[in-house]
Amino acid sequence: MTESSEVPEARTTIYDTLNDRLRFEEFAELDDVATIGVRTFFREIGVPHLFEEYVLPTFKGPDSLIFAAVADRPWPPWGHGSQTVVAFVQAHAISENSYAVGPVLLRNDMAANIGLRASLYKEALESLSRQGKAEVNYLVIEGSVLADHLLTSAGFKRTADLVQTDEAKYFFYNADCQEVLKYLQLDKVSLPELLTLQVAPEIIDRNTMFLAAMDWISYRELLPIWRGGLREGIPGGVPPPPPPTCEVE
């Protein structure tokens, strides 16, 4: 019987041809061609509003990055439609060396391509920690079951910082990027091994469950961390009257 830690024999998957054509890009800014590619990606996965409402606002500033898996058109390799974004994840700093990371999104026809999903997440966390120790953050609803279990298993700690919405409280969970990579065993494998799934079954299991559950588009247990969302503001409306005072005779 094959142990769970053993690497399976070489096999062919339905994603091999596409994965072999992909290149990974890290964007600190988007030119026109890249913007078209990302905008088209969000339209094709059925959430076009997120490009304007989330991607662009959180991308302003030097501390935000987009990581994408891109397939290039063979010819001509430039101009409109020359870059097809197949997978996408965005990160932005919420404090020094501490980053909010969005879900790893794939085109609908690639949704089960766990090798690609794990590879892009590995690229993102390794990039964030390249300059030194860095943390990754998620915002999780109070009373969470699945997200709380998966995050605490991966070494995340719930902090006292929270966001109060009209419906619920959401708490910040953070962990060291390298510790997360270690838990997912992404520190032990190369990108080619991940893309071809020449890895132990346990790596596939952990990454499939963890990365799928970190999708705040699909699951109510998580909330996106908006740029500037931690800044205190003055609520609208008429302020409440001051509390009554008691006079002592």
Protein backbone atom coordinates (compact mmCIF):
# COMPACT_ATOMS: atom_id res chain seq x y z
CA MET A 1 0.00 0.00 0.00
CA THR A 2 1.28 3.46 -0.88
CA GLU A 3 1.87 5.73 2.12
CA SER A 4 0.33 9.23 1.98
CA SER A 5 3.80 10.81 2.10
CA GLU A 6 5.02 8.98 -0.99
CA VAL A 7 5.11 10.79 -4.32
CA PRO A 8 2.93 9.09 -6.97
CA GLU A 9 4.36 7.87 -10.22
CA ALA A 10 4.38 10.24 -13.19
CA ARG A 11 0.96 10.64 -14.71
CA THR A 12 -0.78 12.71 -17.35
CA THR A 13 -3.46 15.21 -16.33
CA ILE A 14 -5.92 17.24 -18.36
CA TYR A 15 -4.08 20.42 -17.31
CA ASP A 16 -0.56 19.49 -18.42
CA THR A 17 -0.68 21.17 -21.82
CA LEU A 18 -2.00 24.47 -20.49
CA ASN A 19 0.20 24.51 -17.37
CA ASP A 20 3.25 23.99 -19.56
CA ARG A 21 2.42 27.20 -21.47
CA LEU A 22 1.92 29.42 -18.45
CA ARG A 23 4.25 32.00 -17.02
CA PHE A 24 3.85 33.62 -13.61
CA GLU A 25 3.83 37.40 -13.42
CA GLU A 26 4.10 39.74 -10.43
CA PHE A 27 2.58 43.14 -11.14
CA ALA A 28 3.38 46.24 -9.11
CA GLU A 29 1.53 48.24 -11.76
CA LEU A 30 -0.74 47.37 -14.68
CA ASP A 31 -0.15 48.58 -18.22
CA ASP A 32 -2.99 48.65 -20.74
CA VAL A 33 -2.43 45.07 -21.95
CA ALA A 34 -2.31 43.66 -18.41
CA THR A 35 -5.37 45.70 -17.40
CA ILE A 36 -7.36 44.25 -20.29
CA GLY A 37 -6.24 40.75 -19.33
CA VAL A 38 -7.26 41.12 -15.68
CA ARG A 39 -10.54 42.86 -16.51
CA THR A 40 -11.41 40.10 -18.98
CA PHE A 41 -10.54 37.46 -16.38
CA PHE A 42 -13.04 38.83 -13.87
CA ARG A 43 -15.72 39.11 -16.52
CA GLU A 44 -15.19 35.50 -17.58
CA ILE A 45 -15.41 34.14 -14.02
CA GLY A 46 -18.72 35.94 -13.56
CA VAL A 47 -17.78 38.74 -11.12
CA PRO A 48 -16.84 41.70 -13.36
CA HIS A 49 -17.77 44.25 -10.69
CA LEU A 50 -14.89 43.12 -8.45
CA PHE A 51 -12.33 44.56 -10.83
CA GLU A 52 -13.63 48.10 -10.32
CA GLU A 53 -14.83 47.69 -6.75
CA TYR A 54 -11.97 45.70 -5.22
CA VAL A 55 -8.96 45.10 -7.47
CA LEU A 56 -8.34 48.68 -8.58
CA PRO A 57 -9.01 50.40 -5.21
CA THR A 58 -6.72 48.00 -3.33
CA PHE A 59 -4.08 48.22 -6.04
CA LYS A 60 -3.41 51.92 -5.46
CA GLY A 61 -0.10 52.53 -3.76
CA PRO A 62 3.34 50.88 -3.83
CA ASP A 63 2.48 48.18 -1.28
CA SER A 64 -0.01 46.22 -3.38
CA LEU A 65 0.84 43.38 -5.74
CA ILE A 66 -1.01 41.20 -8.23
CA PHE A 67 0.22 37.69 -8.98
CA ALA A 68 -1.11 36.06 -12.12
CA ALA A 69 -0.63 33.00 -14.27
CA VAL A 70 -0.65 34.21 -17.86
CA ALA A 71 -0.92 32.41 -21.20
CA ASP A 72 0.48 34.37 -24.14
CA ARG A 73 -1.06 34.35 -27.60
CA PRO A 74 1.44 32.74 -30.01
CA TRP A 75 1.06 35.42 -32.66
CA PRO A 76 1.02 38.34 -32.56
CA PRO A 77 2.36 38.31 -29.00
CA TRP A 78 1.27 41.88 -28.29
CA GLY A 79 -1.78 44.11 -28.28
CA HIS A 80 -5.40 43.52 -27.30
CA GLY A 81 -6.04 39.96 -26.16
CA SER A 82 -2.39 38.90 -26.29
CA GLN A 83 -2.36 37.98 -22.58
CA THR A 84 -4.92 35.61 -21.08
CA VAL A 85 -5.02 35.62 -17.29
CA VAL A 86 -5.76 32.07 -16.13
CA ALA A 87 -5.21 32.49 -12.36
CA PHE A 88 -5.12 35.55 -10.09
CA VAL A 89 -4.37 36.52 -6.50
CA GLN A 90 -3.86 39.97 -5.00
CA ALA A 91 -2.09 41.10 -1.83
CA HIS A 92 -1.70 44.49 -0.16
CA ALA A 93 -0.03 45.68 3.02
CA ILE A 94 -2.22 46.54 6.00
CA SER A 95 0.76 47.36 8.22
CA GLU A 96 4.52 46.98 8.02
CA ASN A 97 5.39 43.50 6.72
CA SER A 98 1.79 42.37 7.21
CA TYR A 99 -0.39 41.63 4.18
CA ALA A 100 -3.98 40.91 3.32
CA VAL A 101 -4.17 38.17 0.70
CA GLY A 102 -7.24 37.57 -1.42
CA PRO A 103 -8.49 34.24 -2.72
CA VAL A 104 -6.59 32.41 -5.45
CA LEU A 105 -9.03 32.64 -8.36
CA LEU A 106 -8.96 30.50 -11.51
CA ARG A 107 -10.90 30.55 -14.74
CA ASN A 108 -14.05 28.44 -14.45
CA ASP A 109 -12.69 25.72 -16.73
CA MET A 110 -9.54 25.57 -14.59
CA ALA A 111 -11.23 25.58 -11.17
CA ALA A 112 -10.04 22.05 -10.31
CA ASN A 113 -6.45 22.75 -11.36
CA ILE A 114 -5.09 22.45 -7.81
CA GLY A 115 -1.49 22.32 -9.01
CA LEU A 116 -1.85 25.77 -10.54
CA ARG A 117 -3.79 27.14 -7.57
CA ALA A 118 -1.16 25.97 -5.08
CA SER A 119 1.70 27.16 -7.30
CA LEU A 120 0.37 30.72 -7.51
CA TYR A 121 -0.21 30.84 -3.75
CA LYS A 122 3.34 29.60 -3.18
CA GLU A 123 4.65 32.33 -5.52
CA ALA A 124 2.70 35.02 -3.67
CA LEU A 125 3.76 34.07 -0.14
CA GLU A 126 7.39 33.57 -1.12
CA SER A 127 7.42 36.98 -2.79
CA LEU A 128 5.90 38.70 0.26
CA SER A 129 8.51 37.17 2.57
CA ARG A 130 11.46 37.72 0.23
CA GLN A 131 12.53 40.92 1.99
CA GLY A 132 12.28 39.39 5.46
CA LYS A 133 9.72 38.12 7.94
CA ALA A 134 6.16 38.82 6.75
CA GLU A 135 2.66 37.97 7.90
CA VAL A 136 -0.43 37.00 5.95
CA ASN A 137 -3.91 37.97 7.17
CA TYR A 138 -7.52 36.88 6.75
CA LEU A 139 -10.68 38.40 8.19
CA VAL A 140 -12.98 35.72 9.65
CA ILE A 141 -16.49 35.89 11.07
CA GLU A 142 -17.03 35.34 14.79
CA GLY A 143 -18.28 31.78 15.27
CA SER A 144 -16.60 30.50 12.12
CA VAL A 145 -16.27 26.73 11.80
CA LEU A 146 -14.42 25.79 8.60
CA ALA A 147 -12.19 28.85 8.21
CA ASP A 148 -11.29 28.90 11.92
CA HIS A 149 -10.37 25.20 11.86
CA LEU A 150 -8.23 25.43 8.72
CA LEU A 151 -6.49 28.65 9.71
CA THR A 152 -5.65 27.58 13.27
CA SER A 153 -4.42 24.24 11.93
CA ALA A 154 -2.08 26.18 9.65
CA GLY A 155 -0.69 28.20 12.57
CA PHE A 156 -2.87 31.31 12.34
CA LYS A 157 -3.76 33.16 15.54
CA ARG A 158 -6.94 35.14 16.06
CA THR A 159 -6.15 38.68 17.17
CA ALA A 160 -8.20 41.19 19.14
CA ASP A 161 -8.51 43.40 16.04
CA LEU A 162 -11.92 43.18 14.44
CA VAL A 163 -14.29 44.72 11.94
CA GLN A 164 -17.92 45.19 12.97
CA THR A 165 -20.47 45.02 10.16
CA ASP A 166 -24.25 45.44 10.40
CA GLU A 167 -24.57 41.66 10.70
CA ALA A 168 -21.52 40.28 12.49
CA LYS A 169 -18.05 40.73 13.92
CA TYR A 170 -15.04 39.66 11.86
CA PHE A 171 -11.69 39.01 13.53
CA PHE A 172 -8.22 39.16 12.01
CA TYR A 173 -6.25 35.94 11.82
CA ASN A 174 -2.55 36.19 11.01
CA ALA A 175 0.44 33.92 10.58
CA ASP A 176 4.01 34.04 9.35
CA CYS A 177 4.19 33.41 5.60
CA GLN A 178 6.93 30.84 5.95
CA GLU A 179 4.96 28.92 8.58
CA VAL A 180 1.95 28.77 6.27
CA LEU A 181 4.12 27.52 3.41
CA LYS A 182 5.58 24.91 5.76
CA TYR A 183 2.14 23.70 6.91
CA LEU A 184 0.93 23.38 3.32
CA GLN A 185 4.27 21.69 2.51
CA LEU A 186 4.80 24.13 -0.33
CA ASP A 187 8.30 24.83 0.96
CA LYS A 188 9.33 21.26 0.05
CA VAL A 189 8.28 21.17 -3.60
CA SER A 190 9.14 23.07 -6.78
CA LEU A 191 6.73 24.77 -9.13
CA PRO A 192 7.22 22.12 -11.86
CA GLU A 193 6.42 19.40 -9.32
CA LEU A 194 3.27 21.22 -8.23
CA LEU A 195 2.08 21.99 -11.75
CA THR A 196 2.43 18.33 -12.74
CA LEU A 197 1.16 17.10 -9.33
CA GLN A 198 4.26 15.01 -8.76
CA VAL A 199 3.80 15.56 -5.04
CA ALA A 200 2.58 13.54 -2.07
CA PRO A 201 -1.22 13.12 -1.81
CA GLU A 202 -1.16 14.93 1.54
CA ILE A 203 0.05 18.09 -0.20
CA ILE A 204 -2.83 17.90 -2.65
CA ASP A 205 -5.32 17.31 0.18
CA ARG A 206 -4.13 20.19 2.37
CA ASN A 207 -3.90 22.73 -0.43
CA THR A 208 -7.22 21.76 -1.99
CA MET A 209 -9.15 22.26 1.25
CA PHE A 210 -7.26 25.32 2.51
CA LEU A 211 -7.24 27.34 -0.71
CA ALA A 212 -10.85 26.57 -1.58
CA ALA A 213 -12.04 27.69 1.86
CA MET A 214 -10.13 31.01 1.72
CA ASP A 215 -12.46 32.27 -1.02
CA TRP A 216 -14.49 35.17 0.40
CA ILE A 217 -16.43 35.37 -2.86
CA SER A 218 -18.05 32.00 -2.15
CA TYR A 219 -18.01 31.69 1.65
CA ARG A 220 -19.70 33.96 4.21
CA GLU A 221 -17.12 33.05 6.85
CA LEU A 222 -14.55 35.43 5.34
CA LEU A 223 -14.63 39.12 4.53
CA PRO A 224 -12.31 40.95 2.14
CA ILE A 225 -9.82 43.28 3.79
CA TRP A 226 -10.30 46.56 1.99
CA ARG A 227 -7.52 49.08 1.57
CA GLY A 228 -7.97 51.76 4.23
CA GLY A 229 -10.58 49.65 5.98
CA LEU A 230 -8.78 49.91 9.32
CA ARG A 231 -8.93 53.70 9.40
CA GLU A 232 -11.45 55.07 11.81
CA GLY A 233 -14.08 57.37 10.40
CA ILE A 234 -16.92 59.45 11.78
CA PRO A 235 -20.27 57.74 11.21
CA GLY A 236 -23.03 59.65 9.48
CA GLY A 237 -26.32 60.74 10.97
CA VAL A 238 -27.25 62.88 13.94
CA PRO A 239 -24.96 62.27 16.91
CA PRO A 240 -26.68 60.91 20.03
CA PRO A 241 -27.40 63.32 22.89
CA PRO A 242 -24.93 63.41 25.78
CA PRO A 243 -25.78 61.21 28.75
CA PRO A 244 -27.77 62.87 31.55
CA THR A 245 -25.85 64.23 34.49
CA CYS A 246 -26.86 63.97 38.12
CA GLU A 247 -26.45 66.95 40.39
CA VAL A 248 -25.36 66.22 43.94
CA GLU A 249 -26.93 68.48 46.54
